[in-house]
Amino acid sequence: MSDDDPYVKIAEDACYRTAHSGPPGGTPVDIFPFLRYFPSWFPGTYYAAYARDTQQTVRLLYEYPYSQVTDQLAKGEANPSFLEGRLRALHTDSPESAVPIEKIQGAAAILYIAGAETTSSTISFFFLALLLHPECQAKAQEEIDSVIDSQRLPDFDDRKHLPYVECLLQEILR
């Protein structure tokens, strides 16, 4: 996956716009909701105009993955995913078939954003911690080298044999 991936771009745009939309409940439009009907040049309506612009980005976050997966399902090429599973369930007699498409789109968008944001934050903190504590990095590397030969990378089965590395991971996730 690259920085040019449309999913990454859409998620970054949505996160940026959301983060810069003002404090929740603290903008003039939140306090005086009637301001959303005023023109963008009117004092106090900056956030209403910003919200109108942001709505397109958030709508794309909902609709783009949905359209991609529905196209893939139609071609028989869909990879297993949350969205693929929910869309397949719509065509069954299961209780999930009663869930509106908008709810499925919203859940898929939230899952993607939550995963993207927490993953990048966790990786950043991991590298920062190892830069600040090179002795921990050296000890973890020693443990990995003692358990895994140089012909392969560690996998999940190795975790039980890497208690120090496991502790590092748990500390970063804390």
Protein backbone atom coordinates (compact mmCIF):
# COMPACT_ATOMS: atom_id res chain seq x y z
CA MET A 1 0.00 0.00 0.00
CA SER A 2 1.42 3.38 -0.95
CA ASP A 3 0.70 6.97 -0.02
CA ASP A 4 -1.05 7.26 -3.39
CA ASP A 5 -3.55 4.54 -2.48
CA PRO A 6 -7.06 6.06 -2.71
CA TYR A 7 -8.11 4.55 0.62
CA VAL A 8 -5.10 6.12 2.37
CA LYS A 9 -5.71 9.48 0.71
CA ILE A 10 -9.41 9.52 1.60
CA ALA A 11 -8.69 8.52 5.22
CA GLU A 12 -5.96 11.16 5.60
CA ASP A 13 -8.22 13.86 4.16
CA ALA A 14 -11.11 12.89 6.43
CA CYS A 15 -8.91 12.75 9.54
CA TYR A 16 -7.27 16.08 8.74
CA ARG A 17 -10.58 17.82 8.09
CA THR A 18 -12.15 16.36 11.23
CA ALA A 19 -9.17 17.30 13.40
CA HIS A 20 -9.27 20.89 12.11
CA SER A 21 -13.02 21.40 12.39
CA GLY A 22 -12.91 23.02 15.81
CA PRO A 23 -13.65 21.66 19.26
CA PRO A 24 -16.74 19.46 19.46
CA GLY A 25 -19.65 21.56 20.71
CA GLY A 26 -17.47 24.65 20.96
CA THR A 27 -17.87 26.45 17.65
CA PRO A 28 -20.28 29.33 17.12
CA VAL A 29 -22.43 27.10 14.89
CA ASP A 30 -22.77 24.58 17.75
CA ILE A 31 -23.87 27.32 20.13
CA PHE A 32 -26.09 29.14 17.61
CA PRO A 33 -27.27 26.46 15.13
CA PHE A 34 -29.15 29.01 13.02
CA LEU A 35 -25.73 30.27 11.77
CA ARG A 36 -25.51 27.27 9.45
CA TYR A 37 -28.14 28.91 7.22
CA PHE A 38 -26.20 32.17 6.87
CA PRO A 39 -23.87 32.82 3.91
CA SER A 40 -20.21 31.91 4.34
CA TRP A 41 -19.10 35.56 4.44
CA PHE A 42 -21.28 36.28 7.51
CA PRO A 43 -19.28 36.56 10.78
CA GLY A 44 -19.32 33.36 12.84
CA THR A 45 -20.17 31.02 9.96
CA TYR A 46 -16.63 29.83 9.12
CA TYR A 47 -17.25 26.44 10.72
CA ALA A 48 -20.57 25.98 8.91
CA ALA A 49 -18.83 26.51 5.56
CA TYR A 50 -15.99 24.24 6.67
CA ALA A 51 -18.52 21.55 7.63
CA ARG A 52 -20.20 21.80 4.23
CA ASP A 53 -16.83 21.31 2.52
CA THR A 54 -15.87 18.48 4.87
CA GLN A 55 -19.14 16.67 4.24
CA GLN A 56 -17.98 15.75 0.72
CA THR A 57 -14.79 14.19 2.08
CA VAL A 58 -16.64 12.19 4.73
CA ARG A 59 -19.23 11.08 2.16
CA LEU A 60 -16.38 9.79 -0.02
CA LEU A 61 -15.03 7.88 3.01
CA TYR A 62 -18.40 6.12 3.23
CA GLU A 63 -19.11 5.59 -0.44
CA TYR A 64 -15.78 4.80 -2.11
CA PRO A 65 -15.05 1.52 -0.25
CA TYR A 66 -18.68 0.47 -0.64
CA SER A 67 -18.65 1.01 -4.40
CA GLN A 68 -15.30 -0.76 -4.75
CA VAL A 69 -16.46 -3.83 -2.82
CA THR A 70 -19.83 -4.01 -4.59
CA ASP A 71 -17.99 -3.91 -7.94
CA GLN A 72 -15.60 -6.64 -6.75
CA LEU A 73 -18.51 -8.76 -5.51
CA ALA A 74 -20.24 -8.42 -8.88
CA LYS A 75 -17.06 -9.65 -10.60
CA GLY A 76 -16.50 -12.42 -8.03
CA GLU A 77 -13.14 -10.90 -7.04
CA ALA A 78 -13.88 -9.53 -3.54
CA ASN A 79 -11.34 -10.26 -0.82
CA PRO A 80 -12.67 -11.15 2.64
CA SER A 81 -13.26 -8.01 4.70
CA PHE A 82 -15.75 -6.51 7.12
CA LEU A 83 -17.58 -4.76 4.29
CA GLU A 84 -17.57 -7.83 2.04
CA GLY A 85 -19.03 -9.99 4.85
CA ARG A 86 -21.77 -7.50 5.68
CA LEU A 87 -22.74 -7.06 2.03
CA ARG A 88 -22.95 -10.83 1.53
CA ALA A 89 -25.11 -11.08 4.68
CA LEU A 90 -27.60 -8.64 3.13
CA HIS A 91 -28.59 -11.35 0.66
CA THR A 92 -29.36 -13.98 3.31
CA ASP A 93 -32.14 -14.59 5.79
CA SER A 94 -29.88 -13.72 8.73
CA PRO A 95 -30.70 -10.86 11.15
CA GLU A 96 -27.81 -8.94 9.55
CA SER A 97 -29.82 -8.65 6.34
CA ALA A 98 -32.01 -6.00 8.01
CA VAL A 99 -29.10 -3.60 8.60
CA PRO A 100 -29.36 -0.51 6.36
CA ILE A 101 -26.53 0.05 3.87
CA GLU A 102 -25.76 3.46 5.43
CA LYS A 103 -25.03 1.78 8.78
CA ILE A 104 -22.71 -0.74 7.10
CA GLN A 105 -20.91 2.05 5.24
CA GLY A 106 -20.52 4.03 8.48
CA ALA A 107 -19.21 1.05 10.44
CA ALA A 108 -16.69 0.23 7.70
CA ALA A 109 -15.49 3.86 7.61
CA ILE A 110 -15.08 3.99 11.39
CA LEU A 111 -13.19 0.68 11.46
CA TYR A 112 -10.80 1.87 8.76
CA ILE A 113 -10.15 5.27 10.34
CA ALA A 114 -9.75 3.83 13.84
CA GLY A 115 -7.32 1.21 12.60
CA ALA A 116 -5.33 3.63 10.48
CA GLU A 117 -4.96 6.24 13.21
CA THR A 118 -4.09 3.88 16.04
CA THR A 119 -1.67 1.86 13.91
CA SER A 120 0.31 4.90 12.76
CA SER A 121 0.36 6.33 16.29
CA THR A 122 1.51 3.03 17.78
CA ILE A 123 4.31 2.63 15.23
CA SER A 124 5.45 6.21 15.84
CA PHE A 125 5.57 5.67 19.61
CA PHE A 126 7.40 2.37 19.13
CA PHE A 127 10.19 4.01 17.10
CA LEU A 128 10.38 6.96 19.48
CA ALA A 129 10.70 4.63 22.48
CA LEU A 130 13.45 2.61 20.82
CA LEU A 131 15.31 5.78 19.80
CA LEU A 132 15.17 7.04 23.36
CA HIS A 133 16.16 3.66 24.83
CA PRO A 134 18.69 1.98 22.52
CA GLU A 135 19.54 -0.52 25.27
CA CYS A 136 15.98 -1.90 25.01
CA GLN A 137 16.32 -2.22 21.26
CA ALA A 138 19.64 -4.07 21.67
CA LYS A 139 18.15 -6.46 24.25
CA ALA A 140 15.11 -7.16 22.02
CA GLN A 141 17.35 -7.75 19.00
CA GLU A 142 19.49 -10.14 21.06
CA GLU A 143 16.40 -12.10 22.09
CA ILE A 144 15.11 -12.26 18.49
CA ASP A 145 18.52 -13.40 17.23
CA SER A 146 18.68 -16.15 19.86
CA VAL A 147 15.26 -17.56 18.88
CA ILE A 148 15.05 -16.99 15.14
CA ASP A 149 17.71 -17.92 12.63
CA SER A 150 18.77 -15.41 9.98
CA GLN A 151 16.80 -17.21 7.26
CA ARG A 152 13.35 -15.99 8.26
CA LEU A 153 11.39 -13.25 9.99
CA PRO A 154 9.59 -13.77 13.31
CA ASP A 155 5.97 -14.87 13.13
CA PHE A 156 3.13 -15.17 15.65
CA ASP A 157 4.20 -18.66 16.70
CA ASP A 158 7.48 -17.16 17.97
CA ARG A 159 5.79 -14.80 20.41
CA LYS A 160 5.77 -17.32 23.27
CA HIS A 161 9.56 -17.63 22.92
CA LEU A 162 10.14 -13.86 22.91
CA PRO A 163 8.98 -12.63 26.33
CA TYR A 164 11.03 -9.42 26.28
CA VAL A 165 9.81 -8.44 22.83
CA GLU A 166 6.26 -9.27 23.94
CA CYS A 167 6.68 -6.96 26.95
CA LEU A 168 7.94 -4.18 24.66
CA LEU A 169 4.91 -4.59 22.43
CA GLN A 170 2.51 -4.59 25.40
CA GLU A 171 4.16 -1.48 26.82
CA ILE A 172 3.76 0.37 23.52
CA LEU A 173 0.09 -0.65 23.32
CA ARG A 174 -0.59 0.45 26.90
